[in-house]
Protein backbone atom coordinates (compact mmCIF):
# COMPACT_ATOMS: atom_id res chain seq x y z
CA MET A 1 42.02 110.42 97.79
CA ILE A 2 43.91 110.48 101.37
CA VAL A 3 47.23 111.20 102.63
CA ALA A 4 48.63 108.56 104.04
CA ASP A 5 51.52 108.56 106.26
CA CYS A 6 54.70 106.43 106.69
CA THR A 7 52.99 104.25 109.61
CA VAL A 8 50.40 103.74 107.24
CA PHE A 9 51.78 102.71 103.70
CA THR A 10 54.47 100.66 105.75
CA ARG A 11 52.00 98.68 106.76
CA LEU A 12 50.36 97.78 103.38
CA ILE A 13 53.47 97.02 101.88
CA LEU A 14 55.61 95.38 104.51
CA ARG A 15 52.52 93.54 105.77
CA ALA A 16 53.41 94.37 109.00
CA GLU A 17 51.67 94.87 112.45
CA ASP A 18 48.33 93.31 111.53
CA PRO A 19 47.63 95.05 107.96
CA GLY A 20 43.65 94.71 108.40
CA ALA A 21 42.48 97.80 109.14
CA VAL A 22 44.93 99.33 106.01
CA ASP A 23 43.91 96.67 103.47
CA THR A 24 40.40 97.96 104.32
CA LEU A 25 41.11 101.76 103.76
CA PHE A 26 42.86 100.70 100.67
CA ALA A 27 40.22 99.00 99.18
CA ALA A 28 37.87 101.89 100.45
CA ASP A 29 40.24 104.65 98.84
CA PRO A 30 43.56 103.35 96.89
CA SER A 31 44.64 106.83 95.91
CA TRP A 32 47.14 107.63 98.36
CA ILE A 33 49.11 110.28 98.10
CA SER A 34 52.28 111.60 100.08
CA PRO A 35 54.94 114.01 100.55
CA ASP A 36 58.47 113.61 98.95
CA LEU A 37 59.68 112.79 102.37
CA TRP A 38 58.02 109.26 102.25
CA ALA A 39 60.94 107.66 100.44
CA ALA A 40 63.60 108.29 103.36
CA GLU A 41 61.00 107.62 105.88
CA PHE A 42 60.59 104.25 104.14
CA ALA A 43 64.04 103.48 102.95
CA SER A 44 64.70 103.95 107.34
CA VAL A 45 61.81 101.49 108.22
CA LEU A 46 63.41 98.99 105.77
CA ARG A 47 66.78 99.27 107.13
CA LYS A 48 65.41 99.08 110.62
CA TYR A 49 63.69 95.94 109.46
CA GLU A 50 67.04 94.34 107.75
CA LYS A 51 69.20 95.05 111.06
CA ALA A 52 66.35 93.29 112.78
CA GLY A 53 66.78 90.28 111.29
CA ARG A 54 62.68 90.78 110.16
CA LEU A 55 63.59 91.47 106.32
CA ALA A 56 66.34 90.13 104.13
CA PRO A 57 68.53 92.61 102.15
CA ALA A 58 67.64 90.62 99.08
CA PHE A 59 64.01 91.41 99.15
CA THR A 60 64.14 94.93 99.82
CA PRO A 61 64.45 96.12 96.13
CA LEU A 62 60.60 94.28 95.57
CA LEU A 63 59.34 96.57 98.45
CA VAL A 64 60.97 99.44 97.36
CA ARG A 65 59.44 98.99 93.78
CA LYS A 66 55.72 98.46 95.20
CA ALA A 67 55.93 101.85 97.19
CA GLU A 68 57.50 103.50 94.11
CA GLU A 69 54.50 102.36 92.05
CA LEU A 70 52.10 103.17 94.42
CA PHE A 71 53.24 106.82 94.83
CA ALA A 72 54.52 106.98 91.59
CA ASP A 73 52.01 110.27 90.51
CA ALA A 74 51.31 110.72 93.90
CA THR A 75 54.58 112.38 95.46
CA PHE A 76 54.35 115.94 96.51
CA HIS A 77 56.79 118.86 97.78
CA LEU A 78 56.53 120.92 100.62
CA PRO A 79 58.12 124.21 100.92
CA LEU A 80 60.28 123.99 103.93
CA THR A 81 58.91 127.18 105.27
CA ARG A 82 55.26 125.51 105.22
CA VAL A 83 56.48 122.82 107.16
CA LEU A 84 58.25 124.67 110.01
CA GLU A 85 54.68 126.62 110.05
CA THR A 86 52.79 123.65 110.25
CA ALA A 87 55.30 122.40 112.96
CA ARG A 88 55.11 125.66 115.26
CA ARG A 89 51.39 125.33 115.38
CA THR A 90 50.57 122.08 115.79
CA GLY A 91 53.55 121.10 118.11
CA CYS A 92 54.37 117.69 116.12
CA SER A 93 57.85 117.17 114.58
CA THR A 94 59.03 118.61 111.04
CA TYR A 95 58.41 115.14 109.78
CA ASP A 96 54.84 114.58 110.58
CA SER A 97 54.42 118.14 109.69
CA HIS A 98 54.92 117.32 106.27
CA TYR A 99 52.03 114.95 106.01
CA ILE A 100 49.67 117.68 108.11
CA ALA A 101 50.48 120.33 105.76
CA LEU A 102 49.74 118.29 102.64
CA ALA A 103 46.87 117.11 104.23
CA GLU A 104 45.67 120.55 104.94
CA ASP A 105 46.82 122.35 101.88
CA LEU A 106 44.62 119.98 99.43
CA GLY A 107 41.67 119.39 102.18
CA LEU A 108 42.66 116.07 102.73
CA LYS A 109 41.99 113.53 105.50
CA LEU A 110 45.70 112.45 106.96
CA TYR A 111 45.41 108.54 108.10
CA THR A 112 48.25 107.83 110.09
CA PHE A 113 48.77 105.21 113.84
CA ASP A 114 50.77 108.18 115.03
CA ALA A 115 49.40 108.63 118.46
CA GLU A 116 50.64 112.35 118.46
CA ILE A 117 49.79 113.23 115.42
CA LEU A 118 46.33 112.05 115.79
CA ARG A 119 46.36 113.70 119.44
CA ARG A 120 47.21 117.20 117.79
CA CYS A 121 45.70 117.22 114.86
CA PRO A 122 41.96 115.55 115.69
CA ARG A 123 39.78 117.13 113.04
CA LEU A 124 42.48 116.07 110.18
CA ALA A 125 43.80 113.21 111.48
CA ARG A 126 42.17 109.18 111.35
CA ARG A 127 43.76 106.35 112.30
CA PRO A 128 42.72 103.55 109.72
């Protein structure tokens, strides 16, 4: 089981930005979990792709269903006090700290393409 942040599962679902590394990660361990923040972040990415003309709005519901299936029983809520403590300690954003705190709390690795998380949390974060 791993914690996957939005930069990782977006590549898997949207098949974006050379998804080979995330395909390999998913084949090795398909048990991905994420904080409940994933839905808002994913919606933001979908809208960004729509506005850029990279995604037709008619196709978006299919991608939403795929993401919801991936995290159907693998979404966790984190107390905001825990997220804020993590952000203060790591210097990462509160958004990123949702993923960091979840990985810390469950003793799992966090997979991300986010350079800031990788730099600030080298023992916890991994690049696929």
